[in-house]
Amino acid sequence: MGPYNSHMNNNDTMPTFAVQPAAWDKFDSYGCDWAINISHAYKIAAIWQEMNHAKGDMMIWRVTPGGEPIRWVRVYEDESIDSVTDEALSTLV
């Protein structure tokens, strides 16, 4: 395994969540933004909403080690993400 791929075995840095507009309905591995944990996913959702790119709710997907996407958390358009604590996020994993 080359030096580029050697870091991909570390579960701490592997993307396990994906974020995309809920309106897309189906998981889009090319159009979503990948996140390494739920906190990172919420931050990405907040950025989409701040930039008004979502045009509605966001969907956070959990992606299994086998690559299967599972709808995990819906972030509503009017939901305040800033108040979500790391402790609360740890219950979603």
Protein backbone atom coordinates (compact mmCIF):
# COMPACT_ATOMS: atom_id res chain seq x y z
CA MET A 1 0.00 0.00 0.00
CA GLY A 2 1.41 3.37 -1.03
CA PRO A 3 1.81 6.37 1.26
CA TYR A 4 -1.36 8.01 -0.12
CA ASN A 5 -3.59 5.07 0.84
CA SER A 6 -1.92 4.22 4.14
CA HIS A 7 -3.95 6.84 6.03
CA MET A 8 -7.23 5.43 4.73
CA ASN A 9 -7.11 2.58 7.24
CA ASN A 10 -7.55 4.93 10.20
CA ASN A 11 -11.21 4.87 11.26
CA ASP A 12 -10.78 8.27 12.93
CA THR A 13 -10.33 9.98 9.57
CA MET A 14 -12.50 7.85 7.30
CA PRO A 15 -15.64 9.65 6.21
CA THR A 16 -18.56 7.90 7.89
CA PHE A 17 -21.21 10.58 7.38
CA ALA A 18 -22.40 12.45 4.33
CA VAL A 19 -24.44 15.65 4.05
CA GLN A 20 -26.72 16.77 1.25
CA PRO A 21 -30.03 18.61 0.76
CA ALA A 22 -32.97 16.46 1.84
CA ALA A 23 -34.76 17.45 -1.37
CA TRP A 24 -32.34 15.25 -3.33
CA ASP A 25 -34.16 12.28 -1.76
CA LYS A 26 -31.68 9.60 -2.91
CA PHE A 27 -28.11 9.42 -1.67
CA ASP A 28 -25.63 11.03 -4.08
CA SER A 29 -22.08 9.98 -3.25
CA TYR A 30 -20.69 12.41 -5.83
CA GLY A 31 -22.78 15.44 -4.87
CA CYS A 32 -22.75 15.11 -1.08
CA ASP A 33 -20.14 16.50 1.26
CA TRP A 34 -18.35 13.83 3.30
CA ALA A 35 -17.72 14.15 7.05
CA ILE A 36 -15.53 12.18 9.44
CA ASN A 37 -17.98 12.38 12.37
CA ILE A 38 -21.45 13.67 13.30
CA SER A 39 -20.11 16.99 14.62
CA HIS A 40 -18.34 17.59 11.32
CA ALA A 41 -21.56 16.67 9.46
CA TYR A 42 -23.57 19.23 11.45
CA LYS A 43 -20.96 21.89 10.67
CA ILE A 44 -21.24 21.10 6.96
CA ALA A 45 -25.05 21.28 7.17
CA ALA A 46 -24.76 24.68 8.86
CA ILE A 47 -22.48 25.96 6.10
CA TRP A 48 -24.92 24.80 3.41
CA GLN A 49 -27.73 26.61 5.22
CA GLU A 50 -25.71 29.78 5.83
CA MET A 51 -24.88 29.95 2.14
CA ASN A 52 -28.53 29.21 1.30
CA HIS A 53 -27.47 26.35 -0.99
CA ALA A 54 -29.72 23.83 0.72
CA LYS A 55 -32.96 25.65 -0.11
CA GLY A 56 -34.65 23.62 2.61
CA ASP A 57 -33.81 20.82 5.02
CA MET A 58 -30.53 18.93 5.02
CA MET A 59 -30.08 15.17 5.40
CA ILE A 60 -27.14 13.66 7.25
CA TRP A 61 -26.47 10.11 6.13
CA ARG A 62 -24.54 7.49 8.09
CA VAL A 63 -22.43 5.38 5.75
CA THR A 64 -21.63 1.86 6.94
CA PRO A 65 -18.15 0.32 6.54
CA GLY A 66 -19.63 -1.61 3.61
CA GLY A 67 -20.62 1.66 1.93
CA GLU A 68 -24.39 1.46 2.54
CA PRO A 69 -25.97 4.88 3.20
CA ILE A 70 -28.59 5.17 5.97
CA ARG A 71 -30.69 8.29 6.54
CA TRP A 72 -29.49 9.35 9.98
CA VAL A 73 -30.58 12.88 10.92
CA ARG A 74 -32.74 15.47 9.20
CA VAL A 75 -31.61 19.03 9.90
CA TYR A 76 -34.59 21.32 9.40
CA GLU A 77 -34.18 24.58 7.54
CA ASP A 78 -35.19 26.67 10.56
CA GLU A 79 -33.27 24.53 13.10
CA SER A 80 -30.51 26.25 15.05
CA ILE A 81 -27.46 24.06 14.72
CA ASP A 82 -25.22 26.38 16.74
CA SER A 83 -26.73 25.19 20.02
CA VAL A 84 -26.01 21.50 19.43
CA THR A 85 -23.39 20.35 21.94
CA ASP A 86 -20.75 17.69 21.39
CA GLU A 87 -22.33 15.73 24.25
CA ALA A 88 -25.71 15.71 22.49
CA LEU A 89 -24.07 14.75 19.20
CA SER A 90 -22.35 11.78 20.82
CA THR A 91 -25.78 10.21 21.39
CA LEU A 92 -26.37 10.16 17.62
CA VAL A 93 -23.42 7.95 16.79
